[in-house]
Amino acid sequence: MRLHLLLRLLILAPLAACHAATPLEAVRATPDEVTFAYGKGAADDAARQAALYCANLGRAADLRWVTRVGGDRTIAIFDCR
């Protein structure tokens, strides 16, 4: 049940971010990791959302990998430990 709520959050978060200049998009979410794509200036938002996601699983978010994928888009993978 909790996982369904988290998935809804990850689906709705990008919709809420549509009003922001730099949208944040959840690309992948599993019990062990969460991946976000975001624009310039949204790294803190990605870290905050990853922390919330992992906290709902009783874990802490740990940034594993970050890369730029073109333009101002960045992909960040967070492990839930």
PDB file of N, CA and C in Angstrom:
ATOM      1  N   MET A   1       0.830  -1.193   0.000  1.00  0.00           N
ATOM      2  CA  MET A   1       0.000   0.000   0.000  1.00  0.00           C
ATOM      3  C   MET A   1       0.870   1.251   0.000  1.00  0.00           C
ATOM      4  N   ARG A   2       1.928   1.247   0.833  1.00  0.00           N
ATOM      5  CA  ARG A   2       2.802   2.405   0.914  1.00  0.00           C
ATOM      6  C   ARG A   2       3.516   2.646  -0.411  1.00  0.00           C
ATOM      7  N   LEU A   3       3.877   1.576  -1.087  1.00  0.00           N
ATOM      8  CA  LEU A   3       4.543   1.704  -2.375  1.00  0.00           C
ATOM      9  C   LEU A   3       3.622   2.348  -3.403  1.00  0.00           C
ATOM     10  N   HIS A   4       2.331   2.024  -3.361  1.00  0.00           N
ATOM     11  CA  HIS A   4       1.376   2.640  -4.274  1.00  0.00           C
ATOM     12  C   HIS A   4       1.284   4.137  -4.020  1.00  0.00           C
ATOM     13  N   LEU A   5       1.300   4.538  -2.769  1.00  0.00           N
ATOM     14  CA  LEU A   5       1.257   5.967  -2.452  1.00  0.00           C
ATOM     15  C   LEU A   5       2.515   6.663  -2.952  1.00  0.00           C
ATOM     16  N   LEU A   6       3.658   6.007  -2.819  1.00  0.00           N
ATOM     17  CA  LEU A   6       4.909   6.595  -3.289  1.00  0.00           C
ATOM     18  C   LEU A   6       4.912   6.741  -4.808  1.00  0.00           C
ATOM     19  N   LEU A   7       4.393   5.735  -5.479  1.00  0.00           N
ATOM     20  CA  LEU A   7       4.330   5.820  -6.931  1.00  0.00           C
ATOM     21  C   LEU A   7       3.411   6.950  -7.377  1.00  0.00           C
ATOM     22  N   ARG A   8       2.319   7.146  -6.669  1.00  0.00           N
ATOM     23  CA  ARG A   8       1.432   8.272  -6.983  1.00  0.00           C
ATOM     24  C   ARG A   8       2.161   9.593  -6.787  1.00  0.00           C
ATOM     25  N   LEU A   9       2.931   9.694  -5.705  1.00  0.00           N
ATOM     26  CA  LEU A   9       3.709  10.900  -5.446  1.00  0.00           C
ATOM     27  C   LEU A   9       4.682  11.154  -6.585  1.00  0.00           C
ATOM     28  N   LEU A  10       5.345  10.097  -7.033  1.00  0.00           N
ATOM     29  CA  LEU A  10       6.316  10.255  -8.113  1.00  0.00           C
ATOM     30  C   LEU A  10       5.653  10.623  -9.430  1.00  0.00           C
ATOM     31  N   ILE A  11       4.422  10.209  -9.613  1.00  0.00           N
ATOM     32  CA  ILE A  11       3.699  10.567 -10.828  1.00  0.00           C
ATOM     33  C   ILE A  11       3.187  12.001 -10.739  1.00  0.00           C
ATOM     34  N   LEU A  12       2.724  12.403  -9.567  1.00  0.00           N
ATOM     35  CA  LEU A  12       2.164  13.739  -9.401  1.00  0.00           C
ATOM     36  C   LEU A  12       3.225  14.822  -9.246  1.00  0.00           C
ATOM     37  N   ALA A  13       4.393  14.472  -8.735  1.00  0.00           N
ATOM     38  CA  ALA A  13       5.447  15.465  -8.514  1.00  0.00           C
ATOM     39  C   ALA A  13       5.820  16.204  -9.796  1.00  0.00           C
ATOM     40  N   PRO A  14       6.002  15.510 -10.923  1.00  0.00           N
ATOM     41  CA  PRO A  14       6.314  16.257 -12.142  1.00  0.00           C
ATOM     42  C   PRO A  14       5.189  17.203 -12.574  1.00  0.00           C
ATOM     43  N   LEU A  15       3.953  16.817 -12.314  1.00  0.00           N
ATOM     44  CA  LEU A  15       2.837  17.696 -12.658  1.00  0.00           C
ATOM     45  C   LEU A  15       2.876  18.970 -11.828  1.00  0.00           C
ATOM     46  N   ALA A  16       3.203  18.827 -10.565  1.00  0.00           N
ATOM     47  CA  ALA A  16       3.314  20.003  -9.702  1.00  0.00           C
ATOM     48  C   ALA A  16       4.505  20.854 -10.116  1.00  0.00           C
ATOM     49  N   ALA A  17       5.533  20.224 -10.618  1.00  0.00           N
ATOM     50  CA  ALA A  17       6.732  20.942 -11.021  1.00  0.00           C
ATOM     51  C   ALA A  17       6.559  21.661 -12.363  1.00  0.00           C
ATOM     52  N   CYS A  18       5.472  21.433 -13.050  1.00  0.00           N
ATOM     53  CA  CYS A  18       5.257  22.074 -14.343  1.00  0.00           C
ATOM     54  C   CYS A  18       5.268  23.589 -14.233  1.00  0.00           C
ATOM     55  N   HIS A  19       4.922  24.099 -13.073  1.00  0.00           N
ATOM     56  CA  HIS A  19       4.899  25.531 -12.866  1.00  0.00           C
ATOM     57  C   HIS A  19       6.296  26.074 -12.587  1.00  0.00           C
ATOM     58  N   ALA A  20       7.232  25.208 -12.275  1.00  0.00           N
ATOM     59  CA  ALA A  20       8.598  25.629 -11.983  1.00  0.00           C
ATOM     60  C   ALA A  20       9.374  25.792 -13.287  1.00  0.00           C
ATOM     61  N   ALA A  21      10.439  26.583 -13.229  1.00  0.00           N
ATOM     62  CA  ALA A  21      11.259  26.820 -14.413  1.00  0.00           C
ATOM     63  C   ALA A  21      12.081  25.583 -14.771  1.00  0.00           C
ATOM     64  N   THR A  22      12.395  24.765 -13.781  1.00  0.00           N
ATOM     65  CA  THR A  22      13.220  23.585 -14.021  1.00  0.00           C
ATOM     66  C   THR A  22      12.479  22.352 -13.521  1.00  0.00           C
ATOM     67  N   PRO A  23      11.756  21.673 -14.412  1.00  0.00           N
ATOM     68  CA  PRO A  23      10.952  20.524 -13.976  1.00  0.00           C
ATOM     69  C   PRO A  23      11.795  19.355 -13.481  1.00  0.00           C
ATOM     70  N   LEU A  24      11.223  18.636 -12.563  1.00  0.00           N
ATOM     71  CA  LEU A  24      11.819  17.448 -11.975  1.00  0.00           C
ATOM     72  C   LEU A  24      10.949  16.267 -12.366  1.00  0.00           C
ATOM     73  N   GLU A  25      11.571  15.220 -12.888  1.00  0.00           N
ATOM     74  CA  GLU A  25      10.818  14.057 -13.357  1.00  0.00           C
ATOM     75  C   GLU A  25      11.396  12.780 -12.754  1.00  0.00           C
ATOM     76  N   ALA A  26      10.537  11.991 -12.107  1.00  0.00           N
ATOM     77  CA  ALA A  26      10.960  10.681 -11.613  1.00  0.00           C
ATOM     78  C   ALA A  26      11.008   9.740 -12.815  1.00  0.00           C
ATOM     79  N   VAL A  27      12.177   9.178 -13.070  1.00  0.00           N
ATOM     80  CA  VAL A  27      12.376   8.320 -14.228  1.00  0.00           C
ATOM     81  C   VAL A  27      12.171   6.855 -13.862  1.00  0.00           C
ATOM     82  N   ARG A  28      12.647   6.477 -12.683  1.00  0.00           N
ATOM     83  CA  ARG A  28      12.565   5.078 -12.248  1.00  0.00           C
ATOM     84  C   ARG A  28      12.533   5.049 -10.728  1.00  0.00           C
ATOM     85  N   ALA A  29      11.731   4.154 -10.177  1.00  0.00           N
ATOM     86  CA  ALA A  29      11.664   4.007  -8.721  1.00  0.00           C
ATOM     87  C   ALA A  29      11.492   2.533  -8.376  1.00  0.00           C
ATOM     88  N   THR A  30      12.382   2.029  -7.534  1.00  0.00           N
ATOM     89  CA  THR A  30      12.298   0.668  -7.014  1.00  0.00           C
ATOM     90  C   THR A  30      12.489   0.770  -5.511  1.00  0.00           C
ATOM     91  N   PRO A  31      12.321  -0.307  -4.777  1.00  0.00           N
ATOM     92  CA  PRO A  31      12.573  -0.236  -3.325  1.00  0.00           C
ATOM     93  C   PRO A  31      14.044   0.055  -2.988  1.00  0.00           C
ATOM     94  N   ASP A  32      14.960  -0.148  -3.944  1.00  0.00           N
ATOM     95  CA  ASP A  32      16.380   0.048  -3.670  1.00  0.00           C
ATOM     96  C   ASP A  32      16.959   1.336  -4.238  1.00  0.00           C
ATOM     97  N   GLU A  33      16.264   1.971  -5.173  1.00  0.00           N
ATOM     98  CA  GLU A  33      16.800   3.190  -5.775  1.00  0.00           C
ATOM     99  C   GLU A  33      15.699   4.023  -6.410  1.00  0.00           C
ATOM    100  N   VAL A  34      16.028   5.295  -6.639  1.00  0.00           N
ATOM    101  CA  VAL A  34      15.129   6.194  -7.354  1.00  0.00           C
ATOM    102  C   VAL A  34      15.993   7.063  -8.264  1.00  0.00           C
ATOM    103  N   THR A  35      15.500   7.280  -9.489  1.00  0.00           N
ATOM    104  CA  THR A  35      16.233   8.057 -10.481  1.00  0.00           C
ATOM    105  C   THR A  35      15.395   9.255 -10.898  1.00  0.00           C
ATOM    106  N   PHE A  36      16.039  10.423 -10.932  1.00  0.00           N
ATOM    107  CA  PHE A  36      15.369  11.652 -11.339  1.00  0.00           C
ATOM    108  C   PHE A  36      16.094  12.284 -12.509  1.00  0.00           C
ATOM    109  N   ALA A  37      15.325  12.896 -13.408  1.00  0.00           N
ATOM    110  CA  ALA A  37      15.852  13.759 -14.464  1.00  0.00           C
ATOM    111  C   ALA A  37      15.392  15.166 -14.111  1.00  0.00           C
ATOM    112  N   TYR A  38      16.282  16.122 -14.249  1.00  0.00           N
ATOM    113  CA  TYR A  38      15.930  17.486 -13.882  1.00  0.00           C
ATOM    114  C   TYR A  38      16.735  18.490 -14.697  1.00  0.00           C
ATOM    115  N   GLY A  39      16.240  19.723 -14.693  1.00  0.00           N
ATOM    116  CA  GLY A  39      16.898  20.809 -15.397  1.00  0.00           C
ATOM    117  C   GLY A  39      17.817  21.583 -14.466  1.00  0.00           C
ATOM    118  N   LYS A  40      18.449  22.564 -15.050  1.00  0.00           N
ATOM    119  CA  LYS A  40      19.404  23.404 -14.327  1.00  0.00           C
ATOM    120  C   LYS A  40      18.766  24.006 -13.076  1.00  0.00           C
ATOM    121  N   GLY A  41      19.471  23.900 -11.975  1.00  0.00           N
ATOM    122  CA  GLY A  41      19.015  24.504 -10.729  1.00  0.00           C
ATOM    123  C   GLY A  41      18.080  23.642  -9.899  1.00  0.00           C
ATOM    124  N   ALA A  42      17.809  22.407 -10.316  1.00  0.00           N
ATOM    125  CA  ALA A  42      16.862  21.571  -9.583  1.00  0.00           C
ATOM    126  C   ALA A  42      17.530  20.404  -8.854  1.00  0.00           C
ATOM    127  N   ALA A  43      18.844  20.446  -8.692  1.00  0.00           N
ATOM    128  CA  ALA A  43      19.555  19.361  -8.002  1.00  0.00           C
ATOM    129  C   ALA A  43      19.076  19.215  -6.561  1.00  0.00           C
ATOM    130  N   ASP A  44      18.850  20.327  -5.876  1.00  0.00           N
ATOM    131  CA  ASP A  44      18.371  20.260  -4.493  1.00  0.00           C
ATOM    132  C   ASP A  44      16.979  19.646  -4.415  1.00  0.00           C
ATOM    133  N   ASP A  45      16.134  19.972  -5.390  1.00  0.00           N
ATOM    134  CA  ASP A  45      14.785  19.387  -5.423  1.00  0.00           C
ATOM    135  C   ASP A  45      14.852  17.878  -5.624  1.00  0.00           C
ATOM    136  N   ALA A  46      15.753  17.428  -6.499  1.00  0.00           N
ATOM    137  CA  ALA A  46      15.909  15.991  -6.733  1.00  0.00           C
ATOM    138  C   ALA A  46      16.373  15.292  -5.463  1.00  0.00           C
ATOM    139  N   ALA A  47      17.341  15.884  -4.769  1.00  0.00           N
ATOM    140  CA  ALA A  47      17.845  15.293  -3.526  1.00  0.00           C
ATOM    141  C   ALA A  47      16.748  15.247  -2.461  1.00  0.00           C
ATOM    142  N   ARG A  48      15.954  16.305  -2.394  1.00  0.00           N
ATOM    143  CA  ARG A  48      14.860  16.365  -1.412  1.00  0.00           C
ATOM    144  C   ARG A  48      13.805  15.293  -1.713  1.00  0.00           C
ATOM    145  N   GLN A  49      13.436  15.142  -2.989  1.00  0.00           N
ATOM    146  CA  GLN A  49      12.442  14.137  -3.360  1.00  0.00           C
ATOM    147  C   GLN A  49      12.971  12.724  -3.134  1.00  0.00           C
ATOM    148  N   ALA A  50      14.249  12.517  -3.407  1.00  0.00           N
ATOM    149  CA  ALA A  50      14.858  11.203  -3.161  1.00  0.00           C
ATOM    150  C   ALA A  50      14.852  10.896  -1.665  1.00  0.00           C
ATOM    151  N   ALA A  51      15.159  11.894  -0.850  1.00  0.00           N
ATOM    152  CA  ALA A  51      15.141  11.700   0.607  1.00  0.00           C
ATOM    153  C   ALA A  51      13.742  11.333   1.093  1.00  0.00           C
ATOM    154  N   LEU A  52      12.731  11.997   0.552  1.00  0.00           N
ATOM    155  CA  LEU A  52      11.345  11.680   0.934  1.00  0.00           C
ATOM    156  C   LEU A  52      10.957  10.272   0.491  1.00  0.00           C
ATOM    157  N   TYR A  53      11.312   9.927  -0.729  1.00  0.00           N
ATOM    158  CA  TYR A  53      10.984   8.603  -1.253  1.00  0.00           C
ATOM    159  C   TYR A  53      11.610   7.510  -0.397  1.00  0.00           C
ATOM    160  N   CYS A  54      12.914   7.625  -0.139  1.00  0.00           N
ATOM    161  CA  CYS A  54      13.610   6.600   0.647  1.00  0.00           C
ATOM    162  C   CYS A  54      13.139   6.583   2.100  1.00  0.00           C
ATOM    163  N   ALA A  55      12.844   7.754   2.655  1.00  0.00           N
ATOM    164  CA  ALA A  55      12.362   7.820   4.040  1.00  0.00           C
ATOM    165  C   ALA A  55      11.045   7.074   4.192  1.00  0.00           C
ATOM    166  N   ASN A  56      10.205   7.126   3.179  1.00  0.00           N
ATOM    167  CA  ASN A  56       8.941   6.390   3.232  1.00  0.00           C
ATOM    168  C   ASN A  56       9.149   4.884   3.204  1.00  0.00           C
ATOM    169  N   LEU A  57      10.336   4.470   2.813  1.00  0.00           N
ATOM    170  CA  LEU A  57      10.695   3.051   2.835  1.00  0.00           C
ATOM    171  C   LEU A  57      11.513   2.705   4.077  1.00  0.00           C
ATOM    172  N   GLY A  58      11.682   3.673   4.977  1.00  0.00           N
ATOM    173  CA  GLY A  58      12.462   3.456   6.193  1.00  0.00           C
ATOM    174  C   GLY A  58      13.959   3.474   5.935  1.00  0.00           C
ATOM    175  N   ARG A  59      14.373   4.158   4.874  1.00  0.00           N
ATOM    176  CA  ARG A  59      15.780   4.197   4.483  1.00  0.00           C
ATOM    177  C   ARG A  59      16.220   5.639   4.239  1.00  0.00           C
ATOM    178  N   ALA A  60      17.515   5.806   4.022  1.00  0.00           N
ATOM    179  CA  ALA A  60      18.075   7.120   3.709  1.00  0.00           C
ATOM    180  C   ALA A  60      18.551   7.130   2.265  1.00  0.00           C
ATOM    181  N   ALA A  61      18.427   8.278   1.610  1.00  0.00           N
ATOM    182  CA  ALA A  61      18.871   8.423   0.222  1.00  0.00           C
ATOM    183  C   ALA A  61      20.366   8.721   0.193  1.00  0.00           C
ATOM    184  N   ASP A  62      21.050   8.052  -0.728  1.00  0.00           N
ATOM    185  CA  ASP A  62      22.491   8.230  -0.906  1.00  0.00           C
ATOM    186  C   ASP A  62      22.751   8.407  -2.402  1.00  0.00           C
ATOM    187  N   LEU A  63      23.268   9.567  -2.791  1.00  0.00           N
ATOM    188  CA  LEU A  63      23.527   9.839  -4.199  1.00  0.00           C
ATOM    189  C   LEU A  63      24.600   8.895  -4.728  1.00  0.00           C
ATOM    190  N   ARG A  64      24.251   8.135  -5.759  1.00  0.00           N
ATOM    191  CA  ARG A  64      25.194   7.182  -6.349  1.00  0.00           C
ATOM    192  C   ARG A  64      25.878   7.748  -7.590  1.00  0.00           C
ATOM    193  N   TRP A  65      25.093   8.431  -8.456  1.00  0.00           N
ATOM    194  CA  TRP A  65      25.625   8.788  -9.757  1.00  0.00           C
ATOM    195  C   TRP A  65      24.881   9.992 -10.321  1.00  0.00           C
ATOM    196  N   VAL A  66      25.608  10.894 -10.980  1.00  0.00           N
ATOM    197  CA  VAL A  66      25.014  12.063 -11.636  1.00  0.00           C
ATOM    198  C   VAL A  66      25.687  12.233 -12.990  1.00  0.00           C
ATOM    199  N   THR A  67      24.895  12.519 -14.007  1.00  0.00           N
ATOM    200  CA  THR A  67      25.462  12.811 -15.331  1.00  0.00           C
ATOM    201  C   THR A  67      24.554  13.777 -16.087  1.00  0.00           C
ATOM    202  N   ARG A  68      25.167  14.593 -16.914  1.00  0.00           N
ATOM    203  CA  ARG A  68      24.401  15.478 -17.798  1.00  0.00           C
ATOM    204  C   ARG A  68      24.084  14.709 -19.064  1.00  0.00           C
ATOM    205  N   VAL A  69      22.863  14.857 -19.558  1.00  0.00           N
ATOM    206  CA  VAL A  69      22.428  14.078 -20.711  1.00  0.00           C
ATOM    207  C   VAL A  69      22.130  14.937 -21.933  1.00  0.00           C
ATOM    208  N   GLY A  70      22.470  16.175 -21.875  1.00  0.00           N
ATOM    209  CA  GLY A  70      22.227  17.049 -23.023  1.00  0.00           C
ATOM    210  C   GLY A  70      21.540  18.318 -22.594  1.00  0.00           C
ATOM    211  N   GLY A  71      21.975  19.409 -23.177  1.00  0.00           N
ATOM    212  CA  GLY A  71      21.398  20.687 -22.787  1.00  0.00           C
ATOM    213  C   GLY A  71      21.615  20.931 -21.312  1.00  0.00           C
ATOM    214  N   ASP A  72      20.541  21.229 -20.629  1.00  0.00           N
ATOM    215  CA  ASP A  72      20.648  21.441 -19.175  1.00  0.00           C
ATOM    216  C   ASP A  72      20.004  20.307 -18.388  1.00  0.00           C
ATOM    217  N   ARG A  73      19.750  19.167 -19.037  1.00  0.00           N
ATOM    218  CA  ARG A  73      19.143  18.014 -18.345  1.00  0.00           C
ATOM    219  C   ARG A  73      20.208  17.185 -17.651  1.00  0.00           C
ATOM    220  N   THR A  74      19.899  16.770 -16.439  1.00  0.00           N
ATOM    221  CA  THR A  74      20.790  15.935 -15.631  1.00  0.00           C
ATOM    222  C   THR A  74      20.020  14.734 -15.118  1.00  0.00           C
ATOM    223  N   ILE A  75      20.688  13.601 -15.007  1.00  0.00           N
ATOM    224  CA  ILE A  75      20.120  12.383 -14.437  1.00  0.00           C
ATOM    225  C   ILE A  75      20.875  12.094 -13.140  1.00  0.00           C
ATOM    226  N   ALA A  76      20.137  11.831 -12.085  1.00  0.00           N
ATOM    227  CA  ALA A  76      20.742  11.481 -10.801  1.00  0.00           C
ATOM    228  C   ALA A  76      20.094  10.203 -10.262  1.00  0.00           C
ATOM    229  N   ILE A  77      20.932   9.281  -9.824  1.00  0.00           N
ATOM    230  CA  ILE A  77      20.446   8.031  -9.226  1.00  0.00           C
ATOM    231  C   ILE A  77      20.794   8.053  -7.752  1.00  0.00           C
ATOM    232  N   PHE A  78      19.778   7.798  -6.914  1.00  0.00           N
ATOM    233  CA  PHE A  78      19.937   7.745  -5.476  1.00  0.00           C
ATOM    234  C   PHE A  78      19.658   6.325  -4.993  1.00  0.00           C
ATOM    235  N   ASP A  79      20.532   5.790  -4.178  1.00  0.00           N
ATOM    236  CA  ASP A  79      20.298   4.495  -3.532  1.00  0.00           C
ATOM    237  C   ASP A  79      19.515   4.719  -2.242  1.00  0.00           C
ATOM    238  N   CYS A  80      18.612   3.818  -1.944  1.00  0.00           N
ATOM    239  CA  CYS A  80      17.898   3.836  -0.653  1.00  0.00           C
ATOM    240  C   CYS A  80      18.581   2.819   0.242  1.00  0.00           C
ATOM    241  N   ARG A  81      19.266   3.299   1.265  1.00  0.00           N
ATOM    242  CA  ARG A  81      20.034   2.411   2.162  1.00  0.00           C
ATOM    243  C   ARG A  81      19.489   2.462   3.559  1.00  0.00           C
TER     244      ARG A  81
END
